Amino acid sequence: MENLTQIAQCLKSQAQTTQHPAQQTLDSDLTITVQYDPKSFTWTLSLTRLYHQATEEERQECKEAFGMPNDTDFEVAYKNGWGVIRYQWSEIKQLEMKL
């Protein structure tokens, strides 16, 4: 997998700056979409791939790269042939982890 930490930093910066979703598709056809809500200080990360979910290894790598709290809530779905995993967490909780 590409350098996911750099990708995560870039996408998070773009999402915060533009206040629009930032997205990148990896070589593995996994699409990462990041959104930031400045009003609630909430991050949303979606991992999507046509016909398949992200693997457990890909999910773990993304959680680490984006600095998600261990107990981050997520939902799993298939939508129009796309496997979707969506995480949502508070930036405040993420900052508390670093203290």
N, C-alpha and C. Protein backbone atom coordinates (compact mmCIF):
# COMPACT_ATOMS: atom_id res chain seq x y z
N MET A 1 0.85 -1.18 0.00
CA MET A 1 0.00 0.00 0.00
C MET A 1 0.89 1.24 0.00
N GLU A 2 0.45 2.28 -0.71
CA GLU A 2 1.22 3.52 -0.75
C GLU A 2 1.48 4.05 0.66
N ASN A 3 2.29 5.09 0.75
CA ASN A 3 2.58 5.67 2.06
C ASN A 3 1.31 6.30 2.61
N LEU A 4 0.59 5.53 3.38
CA LEU A 4 -0.72 5.93 3.86
C LEU A 4 -0.67 7.10 4.84
N THR A 5 0.39 7.21 5.60
CA THR A 5 0.51 8.32 6.54
C THR A 5 0.57 9.65 5.80
N GLN A 6 1.35 9.71 4.72
CA GLN A 6 1.42 10.93 3.94
C GLN A 6 0.09 11.23 3.26
N ILE A 7 -0.55 10.21 2.74
CA ILE A 7 -1.85 10.38 2.10
C ILE A 7 -2.86 10.91 3.11
N ALA A 8 -2.86 10.34 4.31
CA ALA A 8 -3.78 10.77 5.36
C ALA A 8 -3.56 12.23 5.72
N GLN A 9 -2.31 12.63 5.89
CA GLN A 9 -2.01 14.02 6.23
C GLN A 9 -2.49 14.97 5.14
N CYS A 10 -2.25 14.60 3.90
CA CYS A 10 -2.65 15.43 2.77
C CYS A 10 -4.18 15.55 2.69
N LEU A 11 -4.88 14.43 2.80
CA LEU A 11 -6.33 14.44 2.70
C LEU A 11 -6.97 15.21 3.86
N LYS A 12 -6.45 15.02 5.07
CA LYS A 12 -6.99 15.75 6.21
C LYS A 12 -6.78 17.25 6.07
N SER A 13 -5.61 17.64 5.61
CA SER A 13 -5.31 19.05 5.40
C SER A 13 -6.25 19.64 4.35
N GLN A 14 -6.42 18.93 3.26
CA GLN A 14 -7.30 19.39 2.18
C GLN A 14 -8.74 19.51 2.66
N ALA A 15 -9.22 18.52 3.40
CA ALA A 15 -10.60 18.54 3.90
C ALA A 15 -10.83 19.71 4.86
N GLN A 16 -9.85 19.98 5.72
CA GLN A 16 -9.99 21.10 6.66
C GLN A 16 -9.93 22.44 5.94
N THR A 17 -9.03 22.57 5.00
CA THR A 17 -8.83 23.84 4.30
C THR A 17 -10.03 24.19 3.41
N THR A 18 -10.51 23.22 2.65
CA THR A 18 -11.58 23.49 1.69
C THR A 18 -12.97 23.31 2.28
N GLN A 19 -13.07 22.61 3.40
CA GLN A 19 -14.33 22.22 4.02
C GLN A 19 -15.22 21.44 3.05
N HIS A 20 -14.56 20.68 2.17
CA HIS A 20 -15.22 19.77 1.24
C HIS A 20 -14.54 18.42 1.37
N PRO A 21 -15.22 17.34 0.98
CA PRO A 21 -14.59 16.02 1.05
C PRO A 21 -13.31 15.97 0.20
N ALA A 22 -12.31 15.29 0.73
CA ALA A 22 -11.06 15.06 0.01
C ALA A 22 -11.00 13.56 -0.28
N GLN A 23 -10.53 13.21 -1.47
CA GLN A 23 -10.61 11.80 -1.89
C GLN A 23 -9.38 11.39 -2.68
N GLN A 24 -8.99 10.14 -2.48
CA GLN A 24 -7.91 9.56 -3.27
C GLN A 24 -8.16 8.06 -3.42
N THR A 25 -7.89 7.55 -4.63
CA THR A 25 -8.01 6.13 -4.89
C THR A 25 -6.61 5.53 -4.91
N LEU A 26 -6.41 4.49 -4.12
CA LEU A 26 -5.12 3.83 -4.02
C LEU A 26 -4.93 2.84 -5.17
N ASP A 27 -3.71 2.34 -5.33
CA ASP A 27 -3.41 1.35 -6.36
C ASP A 27 -4.28 0.10 -6.24
N SER A 28 -4.73 -0.19 -5.01
CA SER A 28 -5.55 -1.38 -4.75
C SER A 28 -7.03 -1.14 -5.09
N ASP A 29 -7.34 0.00 -5.70
CA ASP A 29 -8.71 0.41 -6.04
C ASP A 29 -9.55 0.75 -4.82
N LEU A 30 -8.92 0.89 -3.68
CA LEU A 30 -9.62 1.34 -2.48
C LEU A 30 -9.67 2.87 -2.52
N THR A 31 -10.87 3.42 -2.43
CA THR A 31 -11.03 4.87 -2.44
C THR A 31 -11.21 5.34 -1.00
N ILE A 32 -10.41 6.32 -0.63
CA ILE A 32 -10.46 6.92 0.70
C ILE A 32 -11.06 8.31 0.55
N THR A 33 -12.12 8.57 1.31
CA THR A 33 -12.75 9.88 1.30
C THR A 33 -12.80 10.40 2.73
N VAL A 34 -12.34 11.63 2.92
CA VAL A 34 -12.28 12.23 4.25
C VAL A 34 -13.10 13.52 4.26
N GLN A 35 -13.90 13.68 5.30
CA GLN A 35 -14.66 14.91 5.49
C GLN A 35 -14.40 15.42 6.90
N TYR A 36 -14.44 16.76 7.04
CA TYR A 36 -14.28 17.36 8.35
C TYR A 36 -15.40 18.36 8.57
N ASP A 37 -16.05 18.26 9.72
CA ASP A 37 -17.10 19.20 10.09
C ASP A 37 -16.54 20.11 11.18
N PRO A 38 -16.20 21.37 10.83
CA PRO A 38 -15.59 22.26 11.82
C PRO A 38 -16.54 22.68 12.94
N LYS A 39 -17.83 22.57 12.72
CA LYS A 39 -18.80 22.96 13.76
C LYS A 39 -18.81 21.96 14.90
N SER A 40 -18.70 20.68 14.55
CA SER A 40 -18.73 19.64 15.58
C SER A 40 -17.36 19.01 15.82
N PHE A 41 -16.34 19.49 15.09
CA PHE A 41 -14.97 18.95 15.19
C PHE A 41 -14.96 17.44 14.94
N THR A 42 -15.73 17.03 13.93
CA THR A 42 -15.91 15.61 13.64
C THR A 42 -15.30 15.24 12.29
N TRP A 43 -14.58 14.13 12.29
CA TRP A 43 -14.01 13.56 11.07
C TRP A 43 -14.87 12.39 10.62
N THR A 44 -15.01 12.23 9.30
CA THR A 44 -15.65 11.05 8.72
C THR A 44 -14.71 10.50 7.67
N LEU A 45 -14.42 9.23 7.76
CA LEU A 45 -13.54 8.54 6.81
C LEU A 45 -14.33 7.40 6.18
N SER A 46 -14.41 7.40 4.86
CA SER A 46 -15.08 6.33 4.14
C SER A 46 -14.07 5.56 3.30
N LEU A 47 -14.14 4.25 3.39
CA LEU A 47 -13.31 3.36 2.58
C LEU A 47 -14.24 2.62 1.65
N THR A 48 -14.08 2.81 0.35
CA THR A 48 -15.00 2.19 -0.61
C THR A 48 -14.22 1.46 -1.71
N ARG A 49 -14.84 0.39 -2.18
CA ARG A 49 -14.27 -0.37 -3.29
C ARG A 49 -15.41 -1.09 -4.00
N LEU A 50 -15.35 -1.11 -5.30
CA LEU A 50 -16.38 -1.77 -6.09
C LEU A 50 -16.37 -3.27 -5.81
N TYR A 51 -17.51 -3.80 -5.45
CA TYR A 51 -17.77 -5.22 -5.21
C TYR A 51 -17.14 -5.80 -3.95
N HIS A 52 -16.27 -5.08 -3.26
CA HIS A 52 -15.58 -5.65 -2.10
C HIS A 52 -15.42 -4.60 -1.00
N GLN A 53 -15.40 -5.08 0.22
CA GLN A 53 -15.06 -4.23 1.36
C GLN A 53 -13.54 -4.10 1.46
N ALA A 54 -13.09 -3.10 2.18
CA ALA A 54 -11.67 -3.01 2.51
C ALA A 54 -11.32 -4.22 3.38
N THR A 55 -10.12 -4.74 3.22
CA THR A 55 -9.68 -5.87 4.03
C THR A 55 -9.44 -5.41 5.47
N GLU A 56 -9.36 -6.35 6.38
CA GLU A 56 -9.08 -6.01 7.78
C GLU A 56 -7.72 -5.32 7.88
N GLU A 57 -6.75 -5.78 7.11
CA GLU A 57 -5.42 -5.15 7.11
C GLU A 57 -5.49 -3.70 6.61
N GLU A 58 -6.23 -3.46 5.54
CA GLU A 58 -6.39 -2.09 5.02
C GLU A 58 -7.10 -1.21 6.04
N ARG A 59 -8.10 -1.75 6.68
CA ARG A 59 -8.83 -0.99 7.70
C ARG A 59 -7.92 -0.59 8.84
N GLN A 60 -7.11 -1.53 9.31
CA GLN A 60 -6.20 -1.25 10.42
C GLN A 60 -5.16 -0.21 10.02
N GLU A 61 -4.61 -0.34 8.81
CA GLU A 61 -3.61 0.62 8.33
C GLU A 61 -4.21 2.02 8.23
N CYS A 62 -5.45 2.12 7.77
CA CYS A 62 -6.10 3.42 7.67
C CYS A 62 -6.37 4.01 9.05
N LYS A 63 -6.81 3.18 9.99
CA LYS A 63 -7.06 3.66 11.34
C LYS A 63 -5.79 4.24 11.95
N GLU A 64 -4.68 3.58 11.75
CA GLU A 64 -3.40 4.06 12.28
C GLU A 64 -2.96 5.33 11.57
N ALA A 65 -3.05 5.35 10.24
CA ALA A 65 -2.59 6.51 9.46
C ALA A 65 -3.39 7.77 9.78
N PHE A 66 -4.69 7.61 10.02
CA PHE A 66 -5.54 8.76 10.31
C PHE A 66 -5.61 9.07 11.80
N GLY A 67 -4.95 8.27 12.63
CA GLY A 67 -4.89 8.53 14.06
C GLY A 67 -6.23 8.40 14.76
N MET A 68 -7.03 7.45 14.32
CA MET A 68 -8.35 7.26 14.92
C MET A 68 -8.24 6.68 16.32
N PRO A 69 -9.12 7.11 17.22
CA PRO A 69 -9.20 6.45 18.53
C PRO A 69 -9.57 4.97 18.33
N ASN A 70 -9.10 4.12 19.23
CA ASN A 70 -9.34 2.67 19.11
C ASN A 70 -10.82 2.30 19.10
N ASP A 71 -11.63 3.07 19.81
CA ASP A 71 -13.05 2.73 19.93
C ASP A 71 -13.92 3.49 18.92
N THR A 72 -13.34 3.88 17.79
CA THR A 72 -14.08 4.63 16.78
C THR A 72 -15.25 3.81 16.23
N ASP A 73 -16.42 4.43 16.22
CA ASP A 73 -17.61 3.78 15.66
C ASP A 73 -17.48 3.68 14.15
N PHE A 74 -18.07 2.62 13.59
CA PHE A 74 -18.08 2.48 12.14
C PHE A 74 -19.32 1.72 11.69
N GLU A 75 -19.64 1.90 10.42
CA GLU A 75 -20.75 1.15 9.82
C GLU A 75 -20.26 0.53 8.53
N VAL A 76 -20.84 -0.61 8.21
CA VAL A 76 -20.48 -1.36 7.01
C VAL A 76 -21.73 -1.51 6.15
N ALA A 77 -21.57 -1.27 4.85
CA ALA A 77 -22.72 -1.37 3.95
C ALA A 77 -22.26 -1.71 2.53
N TYR A 78 -23.20 -2.18 1.75
CA TYR A 78 -23.01 -2.31 0.30
C TYR A 78 -24.03 -1.38 -0.34
N LYS A 79 -23.55 -0.49 -1.21
CA LYS A 79 -24.44 0.46 -1.87
C LYS A 79 -24.16 0.45 -3.37
N ASN A 80 -25.15 -0.01 -4.13
CA ASN A 80 -25.02 -0.05 -5.60
C ASN A 80 -23.75 -0.76 -6.06
N GLY A 81 -23.43 -1.86 -5.41
CA GLY A 81 -22.26 -2.65 -5.78
C GLY A 81 -20.98 -2.23 -5.10
N TRP A 82 -21.02 -1.16 -4.33
CA TRP A 82 -19.83 -0.67 -3.64
C TRP A 82 -19.82 -1.15 -2.20
N GLY A 83 -18.68 -1.68 -1.76
CA GLY A 83 -18.48 -2.00 -0.36
C GLY A 83 -18.03 -0.74 0.35
N VAL A 84 -18.76 -0.35 1.39
CA VAL A 84 -18.48 0.91 2.08
C VAL A 84 -18.26 0.65 3.56
N ILE A 85 -17.18 1.19 4.09
CA ILE A 85 -16.95 1.20 5.54
C ILE A 85 -16.76 2.66 5.92
N ARG A 86 -17.57 3.13 6.87
CA ARG A 86 -17.54 4.54 7.25
C ARG A 86 -17.24 4.67 8.74
N TYR A 87 -16.20 5.42 9.04
CA TYR A 87 -15.80 5.71 10.41
C TYR A 87 -16.13 7.16 10.73
N GLN A 88 -16.43 7.42 12.00
CA GLN A 88 -16.65 8.80 12.42
C GLN A 88 -16.10 8.96 13.83
N TRP A 89 -15.34 10.06 14.02
CA TRP A 89 -14.76 10.30 15.34
C TRP A 89 -14.59 11.79 15.58
N SER A 90 -14.49 12.13 16.84
CA SER A 90 -14.33 13.52 17.26
C SER A 90 -12.85 13.89 17.29
N GLU A 91 -12.54 15.05 16.75
CA GLU A 91 -11.16 15.53 16.80
C GLU A 91 -10.72 15.75 18.23
N ILE A 92 -11.65 16.14 19.09
CA ILE A 92 -11.33 16.37 20.50
C ILE A 92 -10.87 15.06 21.14
N LYS A 93 -11.56 13.98 20.85
CA LYS A 93 -11.16 12.68 21.38
C LYS A 93 -9.80 12.27 20.84
N GLN A 94 -9.55 12.59 19.56
CA GLN A 94 -8.28 12.26 18.93
C GLN A 94 -7.15 13.03 19.63
N LEU A 95 -7.39 14.29 19.97
CA LEU A 95 -6.37 15.09 20.65
C LEU A 95 -6.12 14.57 22.07
N GLU A 96 -7.18 14.11 22.75
CA GLU A 96 -7.03 13.56 24.09
C GLU A 96 -6.13 12.34 24.09
N MET A 97 -6.16 11.56 23.00
CA MET A 97 -5.32 10.37 22.90
C MET A 97 -3.85 10.73 22.93
N LYS A 98 -3.50 11.90 22.40
CA LYS A 98 -2.10 12.31 22.28
C LYS A 98 -1.54 12.86 23.57
N LEU A 99 -2.41 13.21 24.52
CA LEU A 99 -1.95 13.79 25.79
C LEU A 99 -1.41 12.74 26.73
